[in-house]
Amino acid sequence: STARLRDIGAIELPLERQRSVAIAATVTAKAPGGSAAAIRLVSAHFTNMVMHHAWILSESGRLRQARALAQALPADQPMILGGDLNSWFGYRDAAYRELAHGLSAAAVEDRRATFGPMRLDHLLFRLPEGWRAELRRADRKYGSDHYPLVALIDAQ
């Protein structure tokens, strides 16, 4: 990051197939008018399979991880949460819906697939009053097996 990271932390997620830890840090974002806001950034990578089931039956494991992550996050702090949620069912996946209770999608969102025909990757927001996010999927993979997501934040 080119921004100073503060309050760096790790959030251990429930064990499914392997150990998984979300990482979090706080940055100070400045609006063009000079006002500033502390934004919590959180990056997570949820399981794609549980130990005893194939990928198609792994939604319960992702839901456990999403619930644990949601409980560990502050409920009132501005935040951007993103990552590979392995949401095989896209926006209908239980893990995505669990996180979307306290956070929201971008005001404008490009909903194209990020891995094959599926939308596994997501960004969710809780921005300061008057701020707005626009989310786009990149057109190139840049060496990854997933298309990256790019958020543009309009700070008022």
N, C-alpha and C. Protein backbone atom coordinates (compact mmCIF):
# COMPACT_ATOMS: atom_id res chain seq x y z
N SER A 1 0.83 -1.18 0.00
CA SER A 1 0.00 0.00 0.00
C SER A 1 0.88 1.25 0.00
N THR A 2 0.44 2.25 -0.69
CA THR A 2 1.14 3.53 -0.62
C THR A 2 0.59 4.37 0.53
N ALA A 3 -0.55 3.96 1.08
CA ALA A 3 -1.14 4.64 2.24
C ALA A 3 -0.63 3.98 3.52
N ARG A 4 -0.52 4.77 4.57
CA ARG A 4 -0.09 4.23 5.87
C ARG A 4 -1.19 3.31 6.42
N LEU A 5 -0.80 2.08 6.77
CA LEU A 5 -1.73 1.11 7.33
C LEU A 5 -1.63 1.14 8.85
N ARG A 6 -2.79 1.21 9.52
CA ARG A 6 -2.83 1.21 10.99
C ARG A 6 -3.72 0.05 11.46
N ASP A 7 -3.58 -0.26 12.71
CA ASP A 7 -4.46 -1.28 13.33
C ASP A 7 -4.53 -2.55 12.50
N ILE A 8 -3.38 -3.03 12.07
CA ILE A 8 -3.33 -4.23 11.25
C ILE A 8 -3.71 -5.44 12.11
N GLY A 9 -4.56 -6.30 11.58
CA GLY A 9 -4.98 -7.45 12.35
C GLY A 9 -5.33 -8.65 11.48
N ALA A 10 -5.38 -9.79 12.13
CA ALA A 10 -5.75 -11.04 11.48
C ALA A 10 -7.00 -11.57 12.16
N ILE A 11 -7.92 -12.09 11.38
CA ILE A 11 -9.16 -12.65 11.91
C ILE A 11 -9.22 -14.11 11.46
N GLU A 12 -9.03 -15.00 12.42
CA GLU A 12 -9.05 -16.43 12.09
C GLU A 12 -10.49 -16.85 11.79
N LEU A 13 -10.67 -17.50 10.67
CA LEU A 13 -11.99 -17.97 10.26
C LEU A 13 -12.16 -19.43 10.67
N PRO A 14 -13.39 -19.90 10.81
CA PRO A 14 -13.60 -21.30 11.17
C PRO A 14 -12.88 -22.25 10.21
N LEU A 15 -12.30 -23.27 10.78
CA LEU A 15 -11.57 -24.26 9.99
C LEU A 15 -12.55 -25.07 9.16
N GLU A 16 -12.30 -25.11 7.88
CA GLU A 16 -13.08 -25.96 6.98
C GLU A 16 -12.10 -26.97 6.39
N ARG A 17 -11.69 -26.79 5.18
CA ARG A 17 -10.74 -27.71 4.56
C ARG A 17 -9.31 -27.40 4.97
N GLN A 18 -9.02 -26.12 5.14
CA GLN A 18 -7.69 -25.68 5.57
C GLN A 18 -7.85 -24.38 6.34
N ARG A 19 -6.78 -23.98 7.03
CA ARG A 19 -6.80 -22.75 7.81
C ARG A 19 -6.99 -21.55 6.89
N SER A 20 -7.81 -20.60 7.34
CA SER A 20 -8.06 -19.39 6.57
C SER A 20 -8.12 -18.21 7.52
N VAL A 21 -7.43 -17.13 7.15
CA VAL A 21 -7.36 -15.94 7.98
C VAL A 21 -7.66 -14.73 7.11
N ALA A 22 -8.59 -13.90 7.56
CA ALA A 22 -8.85 -12.62 6.88
C ALA A 22 -7.89 -11.60 7.47
N ILE A 23 -7.46 -10.66 6.66
CA ILE A 23 -6.58 -9.61 7.16
C ILE A 23 -7.31 -8.27 7.09
N ALA A 24 -6.96 -7.38 8.02
CA ALA A 24 -7.63 -6.08 8.08
C ALA A 24 -6.63 -5.01 8.46
N ALA A 25 -6.88 -3.81 7.99
CA ALA A 25 -6.07 -2.64 8.33
C ALA A 25 -6.93 -1.41 8.14
N THR A 26 -6.54 -0.34 8.78
CA THR A 26 -7.24 0.93 8.65
C THR A 26 -6.37 1.92 7.90
N VAL A 27 -6.97 2.65 6.97
CA VAL A 27 -6.28 3.72 6.25
C VAL A 27 -7.10 5.00 6.43
N THR A 28 -6.43 6.12 6.26
CA THR A 28 -7.13 7.40 6.28
C THR A 28 -7.30 7.85 4.83
N ALA A 29 -8.55 8.03 4.44
CA ALA A 29 -8.87 8.48 3.09
C ALA A 29 -9.28 9.94 3.17
N LYS A 30 -8.77 10.76 2.25
CA LYS A 30 -9.08 12.18 2.25
C LYS A 30 -9.96 12.53 1.05
N ALA A 31 -11.01 13.27 1.33
CA ALA A 31 -11.89 13.76 0.29
C ALA A 31 -11.28 15.02 -0.33
N PRO A 32 -11.64 15.35 -1.57
CA PRO A 32 -11.09 16.54 -2.21
C PRO A 32 -11.31 17.82 -1.41
N GLY A 33 -12.39 17.90 -0.65
CA GLY A 33 -12.68 19.09 0.15
C GLY A 33 -11.84 19.19 1.41
N GLY A 34 -11.01 18.19 1.66
CA GLY A 34 -10.13 18.23 2.83
C GLY A 34 -10.58 17.37 4.00
N SER A 35 -11.84 16.92 4.01
CA SER A 35 -12.27 16.06 5.11
C SER A 35 -11.62 14.69 4.96
N ALA A 36 -11.44 14.02 6.08
CA ALA A 36 -10.79 12.71 6.07
C ALA A 36 -11.66 11.71 6.83
N ALA A 37 -11.52 10.44 6.48
CA ALA A 37 -12.26 9.37 7.15
C ALA A 37 -11.36 8.17 7.32
N ALA A 38 -11.46 7.51 8.47
CA ALA A 38 -10.76 6.25 8.70
C ALA A 38 -11.60 5.14 8.08
N ILE A 39 -11.01 4.38 7.17
CA ILE A 39 -11.72 3.29 6.49
C ILE A 39 -11.03 1.98 6.84
N ARG A 40 -11.80 1.02 7.31
CA ARG A 40 -11.28 -0.32 7.60
C ARG A 40 -11.31 -1.11 6.30
N LEU A 41 -10.17 -1.67 5.90
CA LEU A 41 -10.05 -2.52 4.72
C LEU A 41 -9.91 -3.95 5.19
N VAL A 42 -10.70 -4.84 4.63
CA VAL A 42 -10.70 -6.25 5.03
C VAL A 42 -10.60 -7.11 3.77
N SER A 43 -9.70 -8.08 3.80
CA SER A 43 -9.52 -9.00 2.68
C SER A 43 -9.71 -10.43 3.19
N ALA A 44 -10.57 -11.18 2.51
CA ALA A 44 -10.87 -12.55 2.94
C ALA A 44 -10.82 -13.50 1.75
N HIS A 45 -10.55 -14.75 2.04
CA HIS A 45 -10.58 -15.83 1.04
C HIS A 45 -11.27 -17.01 1.71
N PHE A 46 -12.52 -17.25 1.32
CA PHE A 46 -13.31 -18.31 1.93
C PHE A 46 -13.02 -19.65 1.26
N THR A 47 -13.41 -20.71 1.95
CA THR A 47 -13.19 -22.07 1.47
C THR A 47 -13.95 -22.33 0.16
N ASN A 48 -13.37 -23.18 -0.65
CA ASN A 48 -14.11 -23.61 -1.84
C ASN A 48 -14.67 -25.02 -1.65
N MET A 49 -14.23 -25.71 -0.62
CA MET A 49 -14.74 -27.05 -0.31
C MET A 49 -14.66 -27.28 1.20
N VAL A 50 -15.58 -28.05 1.73
CA VAL A 50 -15.47 -28.48 3.12
C VAL A 50 -14.86 -29.87 3.12
N MET A 51 -14.36 -30.29 4.25
CA MET A 51 -13.59 -31.54 4.32
C MET A 51 -14.34 -32.76 3.80
N HIS A 52 -15.61 -32.83 4.06
CA HIS A 52 -16.33 -34.06 3.77
C HIS A 52 -17.28 -33.95 2.58
N HIS A 53 -17.25 -32.85 1.84
CA HIS A 53 -18.16 -32.70 0.71
C HIS A 53 -17.42 -32.13 -0.50
N ALA A 54 -17.99 -32.32 -1.63
CA ALA A 54 -17.47 -31.71 -2.85
C ALA A 54 -17.82 -30.22 -2.84
N TRP A 55 -17.31 -29.50 -3.79
CA TRP A 55 -17.52 -28.05 -3.84
C TRP A 55 -18.98 -27.66 -3.86
N ILE A 56 -19.83 -28.44 -4.49
CA ILE A 56 -21.23 -28.09 -4.64
C ILE A 56 -21.95 -28.04 -3.29
N LEU A 57 -21.46 -28.76 -2.30
CA LEU A 57 -22.08 -28.80 -0.98
C LEU A 57 -21.32 -27.94 0.04
N SER A 58 -20.49 -27.04 -0.42
CA SER A 58 -19.62 -26.29 0.49
C SER A 58 -20.20 -24.96 0.94
N GLU A 59 -21.42 -24.64 0.57
CA GLU A 59 -22.01 -23.36 0.95
C GLU A 59 -22.09 -23.20 2.46
N SER A 60 -22.35 -24.28 3.19
CA SER A 60 -22.44 -24.19 4.65
C SER A 60 -21.11 -23.78 5.28
N GLY A 61 -20.01 -24.23 4.73
CA GLY A 61 -18.69 -23.83 5.25
C GLY A 61 -18.41 -22.37 5.01
N ARG A 62 -18.75 -21.87 3.83
CA ARG A 62 -18.57 -20.45 3.54
C ARG A 62 -19.46 -19.60 4.43
N LEU A 63 -20.67 -20.08 4.70
CA LEU A 63 -21.58 -19.34 5.57
C LEU A 63 -21.00 -19.25 6.99
N ARG A 64 -20.44 -20.33 7.50
CA ARG A 64 -19.80 -20.29 8.83
C ARG A 64 -18.67 -19.27 8.85
N GLN A 65 -17.87 -19.24 7.79
CA GLN A 65 -16.77 -18.29 7.72
C GLN A 65 -17.29 -16.86 7.63
N ALA A 66 -18.33 -16.63 6.84
CA ALA A 66 -18.91 -15.28 6.71
C ALA A 66 -19.50 -14.81 8.03
N ARG A 67 -20.18 -15.69 8.75
CA ARG A 67 -20.75 -15.30 10.05
C ARG A 67 -19.66 -14.94 11.04
N ALA A 68 -18.61 -15.73 11.09
CA ALA A 68 -17.50 -15.44 12.00
C ALA A 68 -16.84 -14.11 11.65
N LEU A 69 -16.64 -13.86 10.37
CA LEU A 69 -16.03 -12.61 9.95
C LEU A 69 -16.94 -11.43 10.28
N ALA A 70 -18.22 -11.54 9.99
CA ALA A 70 -19.16 -10.45 10.28
C ALA A 70 -19.19 -10.13 11.77
N GLN A 71 -19.13 -11.15 12.62
CA GLN A 71 -19.14 -10.93 14.07
C GLN A 71 -17.85 -10.26 14.55
N ALA A 72 -16.75 -10.47 13.86
CA ALA A 72 -15.46 -9.91 14.27
C ALA A 72 -15.27 -8.47 13.80
N LEU A 73 -16.11 -7.99 12.92
CA LEU A 73 -15.94 -6.66 12.35
C LEU A 73 -16.77 -5.63 13.11
N PRO A 74 -16.25 -4.39 13.22
CA PRO A 74 -17.03 -3.35 13.87
C PRO A 74 -18.29 -3.03 13.07
N ALA A 75 -19.38 -2.79 13.76
CA ALA A 75 -20.67 -2.60 13.09
C ALA A 75 -20.89 -1.17 12.60
N ASP A 76 -20.09 -0.23 13.06
CA ASP A 76 -20.38 1.16 12.73
C ASP A 76 -19.23 1.90 12.03
N GLN A 77 -18.15 1.24 11.76
CA GLN A 77 -16.99 1.89 11.15
C GLN A 77 -17.08 1.81 9.62
N PRO A 78 -16.73 2.89 8.91
CA PRO A 78 -16.65 2.80 7.45
C PRO A 78 -15.71 1.65 7.06
N MET A 79 -16.09 0.92 6.01
CA MET A 79 -15.35 -0.30 5.70
C MET A 79 -15.48 -0.65 4.22
N ILE A 80 -14.43 -1.29 3.71
CA ILE A 80 -14.48 -1.94 2.40
C ILE A 80 -14.00 -3.36 2.63
N LEU A 81 -14.85 -4.33 2.32
CA LEU A 81 -14.53 -5.74 2.49
C LEU A 81 -14.51 -6.38 1.11
N GLY A 82 -13.45 -7.10 0.82
CA GLY A 82 -13.38 -7.75 -0.47
C GLY A 82 -12.62 -9.05 -0.41
N GLY A 83 -12.78 -9.81 -1.47
CA GLY A 83 -12.01 -11.03 -1.56
C GLY A 83 -12.68 -12.08 -2.42
N ASP A 84 -12.02 -13.20 -2.46
CA ASP A 84 -12.53 -14.38 -3.15
C ASP A 84 -13.41 -15.11 -2.14
N LEU A 85 -14.71 -14.88 -2.23
CA LEU A 85 -15.64 -15.53 -1.31
C LEU A 85 -16.01 -16.93 -1.78
N ASN A 86 -15.47 -17.33 -2.92
CA ASN A 86 -15.80 -18.63 -3.51
C ASN A 86 -17.31 -18.86 -3.53
N SER A 87 -18.02 -17.80 -3.84
CA SER A 87 -19.49 -17.83 -3.84
C SER A 87 -19.99 -18.49 -5.12
N TRP A 88 -20.03 -19.81 -5.10
CA TRP A 88 -20.41 -20.59 -6.27
C TRP A 88 -21.78 -20.19 -6.79
N PHE A 89 -22.62 -19.64 -5.91
CA PHE A 89 -23.97 -19.24 -6.30
C PHE A 89 -24.07 -17.72 -6.46
N GLY A 90 -22.92 -17.06 -6.65
CA GLY A 90 -22.88 -15.63 -6.94
C GLY A 90 -23.51 -14.79 -5.85
N TYR A 91 -24.41 -13.91 -6.27
CA TYR A 91 -25.06 -12.99 -5.34
C TYR A 91 -26.13 -13.70 -4.50
N ARG A 92 -26.47 -14.92 -4.85
CA ARG A 92 -27.44 -15.71 -4.07
C ARG A 92 -26.74 -16.58 -3.02
N ASP A 93 -25.42 -16.65 -3.06
CA ASP A 93 -24.67 -17.49 -2.12
C ASP A 93 -24.88 -17.01 -0.69
N ALA A 94 -25.03 -17.94 0.24
CA ALA A 94 -25.31 -17.60 1.64
C ALA A 94 -24.22 -16.73 2.26
N ALA A 95 -22.96 -16.97 1.91
CA ALA A 95 -21.86 -16.17 2.48
C ALA A 95 -21.96 -14.72 2.00
N TYR A 96 -22.22 -14.53 0.72
CA TYR A 96 -22.38 -13.16 0.20
C TYR A 96 -23.55 -12.47 0.90
N ARG A 97 -24.69 -13.14 0.99
CA ARG A 97 -25.87 -12.54 1.61
C ARG A 97 -25.61 -12.20 3.08
N GLU A 98 -24.88 -13.06 3.79
CA GLU A 98 -24.56 -12.79 5.20
C GLU A 98 -23.75 -11.50 5.34
N LEU A 99 -22.75 -11.32 4.51
CA LEU A 99 -21.91 -10.12 4.59
C LEU A 99 -22.66 -8.89 4.10
N ALA A 100 -23.58 -9.07 3.16
CA ALA A 100 -24.33 -7.95 2.62
C ALA A 100 -25.36 -7.39 3.61
N HIS A 101 -25.61 -8.08 4.74
CA HIS A 101 -26.52 -7.55 5.75
C HIS A 101 -25.98 -6.25 6.34
N GLY A 102 -24.68 -6.20 6.62
CA GLY A 102 -24.10 -5.02 7.25
C GLY A 102 -23.34 -4.12 6.30
N LEU A 103 -23.15 -4.57 5.08
CA LEU A 103 -22.42 -3.80 4.07
C LEU A 103 -23.29 -3.76 2.82
N SER A 104 -22.91 -2.97 1.85
CA SER A 104 -23.75 -2.91 0.65
C SER A 104 -22.90 -2.98 -0.61
N ALA A 105 -23.57 -3.25 -1.69
CA ALA A 105 -22.91 -3.28 -2.99
C ALA A 105 -22.63 -1.84 -3.42
N ALA A 106 -21.81 -1.69 -4.43
CA ALA A 106 -21.50 -0.37 -4.97
C ALA A 106 -22.75 0.23 -5.61
N ALA A 107 -22.78 1.57 -5.65
CA ALA A 107 -23.91 2.27 -6.28
C ALA A 107 -24.03 1.87 -7.75
N VAL A 108 -22.89 1.71 -8.41
CA VAL A 108 -22.84 1.22 -9.79
C VAL A 108 -21.93 0.01 -9.77
N GLU A 109 -22.40 -1.13 -10.27
CA GLU A 109 -21.61 -2.35 -10.16
C GLU A 109 -21.62 -3.15 -11.46
N ASP A 110 -20.43 -3.48 -11.91
CA ASP A 110 -20.23 -4.38 -13.05
C ASP A 110 -20.32 -5.79 -12.48
N ARG A 111 -21.32 -6.55 -12.86
CA ARG A 111 -21.57 -7.87 -12.26
C ARG A 111 -21.08 -9.03 -13.12
N ARG A 112 -20.14 -8.79 -14.01
CA ARG A 112 -19.63 -9.89 -14.84
C ARG A 112 -18.90 -10.93 -13.99
N ALA A 113 -18.82 -12.13 -14.52
CA ALA A 113 -18.13 -13.24 -13.85
C ALA A 113 -16.66 -12.88 -13.61
N THR A 114 -16.10 -13.43 -12.52
CA THR A 114 -14.69 -13.20 -12.21
C THR A 114 -13.85 -14.47 -12.35
N PHE A 115 -14.51 -15.63 -12.46
CA PHE A 115 -13.81 -16.91 -12.61
C PHE A 115 -14.69 -17.82 -13.45
N GLY A 116 -14.25 -18.13 -14.65
CA GLY A 116 -15.10 -18.92 -15.55
C GLY A 116 -16.44 -18.24 -15.71
N PRO A 117 -17.55 -18.99 -15.56
CA PRO A 117 -18.87 -18.37 -15.70
C PRO A 117 -19.43 -17.84 -14.37
N MET A 118 -18.63 -17.87 -13.29
CA MET A 118 -19.14 -17.56 -11.95
C MET A 118 -18.58 -16.24 -11.40
N ARG A 119 -19.34 -15.63 -10.51
CA ARG A 119 -18.90 -14.44 -9.77
C ARG A 119 -18.50 -14.91 -8.38
N LEU A 120 -17.20 -15.23 -8.22
CA LEU A 120 -16.68 -15.70 -6.93
C LEU A 120 -16.17 -14.56 -6.07
N ASP A 121 -15.78 -13.47 -6.70
CA ASP A 121 -15.11 -12.36 -6.01
C ASP A 121 -16.07 -11.19 -5.83
N HIS A 122 -15.94 -10.52 -4.69
CA HIS A 122 -16.88 -9.45 -4.36
C HIS A 122 -16.17 -8.35 -3.59
N LEU A 123 -16.72 -7.15 -3.67
CA LEU A 123 -16.37 -6.02 -2.82
C LEU A 123 -17.67 -5.48 -2.24
N LEU A 124 -17.67 -5.24 -0.94
CA LEU A 124 -18.83 -4.68 -0.26
C LEU A 124 -18.37 -3.45 0.52
N PHE A 125 -19.28 -2.51 0.73
CA PHE A 125 -18.90 -1.21 1.26
C PHE A 125 -19.80 -0.75 2.40
N ARG A 126 -19.22 0.01 3.31
CA ARG A 126 -19.94 0.85 4.26
C ARG A 126 -19.13 2.15 4.28
N LEU A 127 -19.56 3.10 3.49
CA LEU A 127 -18.78 4.32 3.28
C LEU A 127 -19.34 5.47 4.10
N PRO A 128 -18.51 6.49 4.35
CA PRO A 128 -19.01 7.67 5.06
C PRO A 128 -20.18 8.32 4.30
N GLU A 129 -20.99 9.04 5.02
CA GLU A 129 -22.13 9.74 4.44
C GLU A 129 -21.71 10.57 3.24
N GLY A 130 -22.42 10.39 2.13
CA GLY A 130 -22.14 11.16 0.93
C GLY A 130 -21.11 10.55 0.00
N TRP A 131 -20.36 9.56 0.46
CA TRP A 131 -19.37 8.90 -0.39
C TRP A 131 -20.09 7.82 -1.20
N ARG A 132 -19.52 7.50 -2.34
CA ARG A 132 -20.16 6.49 -3.20
C ARG A 132 -19.09 5.67 -3.91
N ALA A 133 -19.41 4.41 -4.15
CA ALA A 133 -18.47 3.50 -4.81
C ALA A 133 -19.02 3.06 -6.15
N GLU A 134 -18.11 2.91 -7.09
CA GLU A 134 -18.42 2.32 -8.39
C GLU A 134 -17.48 1.13 -8.55
N LEU A 135 -18.01 0.00 -8.94
CA LEU A 135 -17.21 -1.22 -9.01
C LEU A 135 -17.17 -1.74 -10.44
N ARG A 136 -15.97 -2.05 -10.89
CA ARG A 136 -15.78 -2.59 -12.24
C ARG A 136 -14.94 -3.86 -12.16
N ARG A 137 -15.21 -4.75 -13.09
CA ARG A 137 -14.34 -5.91 -13.26
C ARG A 137 -13.34 -5.56 -14.35
N ALA A 138 -12.08 -5.85 -14.09
CA ALA A 138 -11.05 -5.57 -15.09
C ALA A 138 -11.26 -6.47 -16.31
N ASP A 139 -10.77 -6.04 -17.45
CA ASP A 139 -10.91 -6.82 -18.68
C ASP A 139 -9.77 -7.81 -18.88
N ARG A 140 -8.71 -7.69 -18.07
CA ARG A 140 -7.57 -8.63 -18.14
C ARG A 140 -7.37 -9.28 -16.79
N LYS A 141 -6.79 -10.47 -16.79
CA LYS A 141 -6.53 -11.19 -15.55
C LYS A 141 -5.19 -10.87 -14.91
N TYR A 142 -4.27 -10.28 -15.65
CA TYR A 142 -2.95 -9.91 -15.13
C TYR A 142 -2.23 -11.09 -14.48
N GLY A 143 -2.31 -12.27 -15.10
CA GLY A 143 -1.59 -13.44 -14.62
C GLY A 143 -2.34 -14.27 -13.59
N SER A 144 -3.48 -13.84 -13.15
CA SER A 144 -4.27 -14.58 -12.16
C SER A 144 -5.24 -15.52 -12.88
N ASP A 145 -5.89 -16.39 -12.12
CA ASP A 145 -6.96 -17.19 -12.70
C ASP A 145 -8.31 -16.51 -12.52
N HIS A 146 -8.34 -15.37 -11.82
CA HIS A 146 -9.55 -14.58 -11.61
C HIS A 146 -9.37 -13.20 -12.23
N TYR A 147 -10.48 -12.61 -12.66
CA TYR A 147 -10.45 -11.21 -13.07
C TYR A 147 -10.50 -10.34 -11.82
N PRO A 148 -9.64 -9.34 -11.70
CA PRO A 148 -9.69 -8.47 -10.53
C PRO A 148 -10.87 -7.50 -10.57
N LEU A 149 -11.24 -7.03 -9.40
CA LEU A 149 -12.27 -6.02 -9.26
C LEU A 149 -11.59 -4.71 -8.89
N VAL A 150 -12.11 -3.61 -9.44
CA VAL A 150 -11.54 -2.28 -9.19
C VAL A 150 -12.66 -1.39 -8.69
N ALA A 151 -12.45 -0.78 -7.52
CA ALA A 151 -13.44 0.15 -6.96
C ALA A 151 -12.95 1.58 -7.15
N LEU A 152 -13.86 2.42 -7.60
CA LEU A 152 -13.61 3.86 -7.68
C LEU A 152 -14.48 4.50 -6.61
N ILE A 153 -13.85 5.22 -5.67
CA ILE A 153 -14.58 5.84 -4.57
C ILE A 153 -14.71 7.33 -4.84
N ASP A 154 -15.93 7.82 -4.83
CA ASP A 154 -16.19 9.25 -4.98
C ASP A 154 -16.46 9.80 -3.59
N ALA A 155 -15.49 10.52 -3.05
CA ALA A 155 -15.59 11.10 -1.70
C ALA A 155 -16.11 12.52 -1.79
N GLN A 156 -17.17 12.81 -1.12
CA GLN A 156 -17.76 14.17 -1.12
C GLN A 156 -17.23 14.99 0.02
